[in-house]
Amino acid sequence: MSAMAKNWKALALIAAGLLLMFATLKVALKGSRDAVAASQTQAPAAAPAPAQHGEPISNEIRDFPQLD
């Protein structure tokens, strides 16, 4: 009996592992390619408008002022 015939379970396990690994890589690469294509088709974000009338730039929400 040859060595391959004796260790067929181990070889099948290795082959199944490689198959799963390549399938996962293919799915991951397809997802990243779709994300890149989607980001290239979107319009670039507009720059925030400068503060008007000399108001300082603040991160406070006007409806809920921070308590200092």
N, C-alpha and C. Protein backbone atom coordinates (compact mmCIF):
# COMPACT_ATOMS: atom_id res chain seq x y z
N MET A 1 0.84 -1.16 0.00
CA MET A 1 0.00 0.00 0.00
C MET A 1 0.90 1.24 0.00
N SER A 2 0.54 2.22 -0.81
CA SER A 2 1.38 3.41 -0.91
C SER A 2 1.12 4.35 0.28
N ALA A 3 2.00 5.31 0.44
CA ALA A 3 1.88 6.27 1.55
C ALA A 3 0.63 7.13 1.39
N MET A 4 0.25 7.45 0.15
CA MET A 4 -0.94 8.26 -0.07
C MET A 4 -2.20 7.49 0.29
N ALA A 5 -2.22 6.22 0.04
CA ALA A 5 -3.38 5.41 0.37
C ALA A 5 -3.54 5.28 1.89
N LYS A 6 -2.44 5.30 2.60
CA LYS A 6 -2.50 5.18 4.06
C LYS A 6 -2.95 6.49 4.71
N ASN A 7 -2.60 7.62 4.13
CA ASN A 7 -2.86 8.91 4.75
C ASN A 7 -3.92 9.72 3.99
N TRP A 8 -4.91 9.07 3.44
CA TRP A 8 -5.89 9.77 2.61
C TRP A 8 -6.73 10.74 3.42
N LYS A 9 -6.95 10.44 4.69
CA LYS A 9 -7.76 11.35 5.51
C LYS A 9 -7.02 12.66 5.76
N ALA A 10 -5.74 12.58 6.04
CA ALA A 10 -4.96 13.78 6.27
C ALA A 10 -4.86 14.60 4.99
N LEU A 11 -4.67 13.93 3.86
CA LEU A 11 -4.59 14.64 2.58
C LEU A 11 -5.92 15.30 2.24
N ALA A 12 -7.02 14.63 2.51
CA ALA A 12 -8.34 15.21 2.25
C ALA A 12 -8.57 16.42 3.15
N LEU A 13 -8.12 16.35 4.39
CA LEU A 13 -8.26 17.48 5.31
C LEU A 13 -7.44 18.68 4.85
N ILE A 14 -6.24 18.45 4.39
CA ILE A 14 -5.39 19.52 3.88
C ILE A 14 -6.01 20.14 2.63
N ALA A 15 -6.52 19.29 1.73
CA ALA A 15 -7.15 19.79 0.50
C ALA A 15 -8.39 20.62 0.83
N ALA A 16 -9.20 20.17 1.79
CA ALA A 16 -10.40 20.92 2.18
C ALA A 16 -10.01 22.25 2.81
N GLY A 17 -8.97 22.26 3.62
CA GLY A 17 -8.49 23.51 4.23
C GLY A 17 -8.01 24.50 3.19
N LEU A 18 -7.26 24.03 2.21
CA LEU A 18 -6.79 24.91 1.14
C LEU A 18 -7.96 25.45 0.32
N LEU A 19 -8.92 24.60 0.05
CA LEU A 19 -10.10 25.03 -0.70
C LEU A 19 -10.86 26.13 0.05
N LEU A 20 -11.06 25.94 1.35
CA LEU A 20 -11.73 26.96 2.15
C LEU A 20 -10.93 28.26 2.21
N MET A 21 -9.63 28.15 2.32
CA MET A 21 -8.78 29.33 2.38
C MET A 21 -8.88 30.14 1.09
N PHE A 22 -8.79 29.47 -0.05
CA PHE A 22 -8.87 30.18 -1.33
C PHE A 22 -10.26 30.75 -1.57
N ALA A 23 -11.30 30.05 -1.14
CA ALA A 23 -12.66 30.57 -1.29
C ALA A 23 -12.85 31.82 -0.44
N THR A 24 -12.31 31.81 0.77
CA THR A 24 -12.41 32.97 1.65
C THR A 24 -11.65 34.17 1.07
N LEU A 25 -10.47 33.92 0.53
CA LEU A 25 -9.69 35.00 -0.08
C LEU A 25 -10.43 35.59 -1.27
N LYS A 26 -11.06 34.73 -2.06
CA LYS A 26 -11.80 35.21 -3.23
C LYS A 26 -12.95 36.11 -2.81
N VAL A 27 -13.68 35.71 -1.78
CA VAL A 27 -14.81 36.51 -1.29
C VAL A 27 -14.30 37.82 -0.71
N ALA A 28 -13.21 37.78 0.04
CA ALA A 28 -12.66 39.00 0.65
C ALA A 28 -12.17 39.97 -0.42
N LEU A 29 -11.51 39.47 -1.45
CA LEU A 29 -11.03 40.34 -2.51
C LEU A 29 -12.18 40.94 -3.31
N LYS A 30 -13.23 40.17 -3.52
CA LYS A 30 -14.40 40.69 -4.24
C LYS A 30 -15.06 41.80 -3.43
N GLY A 31 -15.17 41.61 -2.11
CA GLY A 31 -15.77 42.63 -1.26
C GLY A 31 -14.96 43.91 -1.25
N SER A 32 -13.64 43.81 -1.19
CA SER A 32 -12.81 45.00 -1.17
C SER A 32 -12.83 45.69 -2.53
N ARG A 33 -12.92 44.92 -3.60
CA ARG A 33 -13.00 45.51 -4.94
C ARG A 33 -14.32 46.27 -5.11
N ASP A 34 -15.41 45.71 -4.60
CA ASP A 34 -16.71 46.39 -4.66
C ASP A 34 -16.69 47.67 -3.83
N ALA A 35 -16.04 47.63 -2.67
CA ALA A 35 -15.97 48.82 -1.81
C ALA A 35 -15.16 49.92 -2.48
N VAL A 36 -14.09 49.57 -3.15
CA VAL A 36 -13.27 50.57 -3.84
C VAL A 36 -14.07 51.17 -4.99
N ALA A 37 -14.78 50.34 -5.73
CA ALA A 37 -15.58 50.85 -6.85
C ALA A 37 -16.69 51.76 -6.35
N ALA A 38 -17.31 51.42 -5.23
CA ALA A 38 -18.38 52.25 -4.68
C ALA A 38 -17.84 53.58 -4.18
N SER A 39 -16.65 53.57 -3.58
CA SER A 39 -16.08 54.82 -3.06
C SER A 39 -15.65 55.73 -4.20
N GLN A 40 -15.29 55.17 -5.33
CA GLN A 40 -14.87 56.00 -6.46
C GLN A 40 -16.05 56.63 -7.17
N THR A 41 -17.23 56.02 -7.06
CA THR A 41 -18.40 56.56 -7.76
C THR A 41 -19.12 57.63 -6.93
N GLN A 42 -18.86 57.70 -5.63
CA GLN A 42 -19.52 58.68 -4.79
C GLN A 42 -18.87 60.05 -4.97
N ALA A 43 -19.67 61.09 -4.82
CA ALA A 43 -19.15 62.45 -4.92
C ALA A 43 -18.29 62.73 -3.70
N PRO A 44 -17.23 63.50 -3.88
CA PRO A 44 -16.38 63.83 -2.72
C PRO A 44 -17.15 64.68 -1.72
N ALA A 45 -16.81 64.52 -0.47
CA ALA A 45 -17.49 65.26 0.59
C ALA A 45 -17.13 66.75 0.50
N ALA A 46 -18.12 67.58 0.72
CA ALA A 46 -17.89 69.02 0.67
C ALA A 46 -17.15 69.46 1.92
N ALA A 47 -16.32 70.46 1.76
CA ALA A 47 -15.58 70.99 2.90
C ALA A 47 -16.55 71.76 3.79
N PRO A 48 -16.35 71.74 5.10
CA PRO A 48 -17.25 72.48 5.98
C PRO A 48 -17.15 73.98 5.72
N ALA A 49 -18.27 74.64 5.83
CA ALA A 49 -18.31 76.08 5.59
C ALA A 49 -17.58 76.81 6.72
N PRO A 50 -16.88 77.88 6.40
CA PRO A 50 -16.19 78.63 7.45
C PRO A 50 -17.19 79.30 8.38
N ALA A 51 -16.75 79.61 9.58
CA ALA A 51 -17.63 80.26 10.56
C ALA A 51 -18.05 81.63 10.03
N GLN A 52 -19.31 81.95 10.21
CA GLN A 52 -19.84 83.22 9.70
C GLN A 52 -19.81 84.28 10.79
N HIS A 53 -19.62 85.50 10.39
CA HIS A 53 -19.68 86.67 11.28
C HIS A 53 -18.68 86.58 12.43
N GLY A 54 -17.52 86.01 12.17
CA GLY A 54 -16.49 85.99 13.17
C GLY A 54 -16.75 85.04 14.33
N GLU A 55 -17.71 84.14 14.20
CA GLU A 55 -17.96 83.18 15.29
C GLU A 55 -16.83 82.16 15.33
N PRO A 56 -16.39 81.81 16.51
CA PRO A 56 -15.33 80.80 16.59
C PRO A 56 -15.88 79.43 16.19
N ILE A 57 -15.02 78.63 15.61
CA ILE A 57 -15.42 77.27 15.24
C ILE A 57 -15.58 76.48 16.52
N SER A 58 -16.70 75.81 16.67
CA SER A 58 -16.98 75.08 17.89
C SER A 58 -17.58 73.72 17.54
N ASN A 59 -17.39 72.76 18.40
CA ASN A 59 -18.00 71.45 18.20
C ASN A 59 -19.27 71.29 19.03
N GLU A 60 -19.73 72.38 19.64
CA GLU A 60 -20.94 72.31 20.45
C GLU A 60 -22.18 72.23 19.56
N ILE A 61 -23.15 71.47 20.00
CA ILE A 61 -24.43 71.42 19.32
C ILE A 61 -25.25 72.58 19.87
N ARG A 62 -25.79 73.42 19.02
CA ARG A 62 -26.49 74.63 19.47
C ARG A 62 -27.68 74.32 20.36
N ASP A 63 -28.40 73.24 20.08
CA ASP A 63 -29.56 72.92 20.91
C ASP A 63 -29.17 72.43 22.29
N PHE A 64 -27.97 71.87 22.40
CA PHE A 64 -27.52 71.31 23.69
C PHE A 64 -26.15 71.87 24.02
N PRO A 65 -26.08 73.07 24.58
CA PRO A 65 -24.76 73.64 24.89
C PRO A 65 -24.05 72.84 25.98
N GLN A 66 -22.76 72.83 25.89
CA GLN A 66 -21.98 72.11 26.90
C GLN A 66 -21.95 72.90 28.19
N LEU A 67 -21.92 72.20 29.30
CA LEU A 67 -21.85 72.85 30.60
C LEU A 67 -20.39 72.87 31.02
N ASP A 68 -19.84 74.07 31.17
CA ASP A 68 -18.43 74.20 31.56
C ASP A 68 -18.30 74.45 33.03
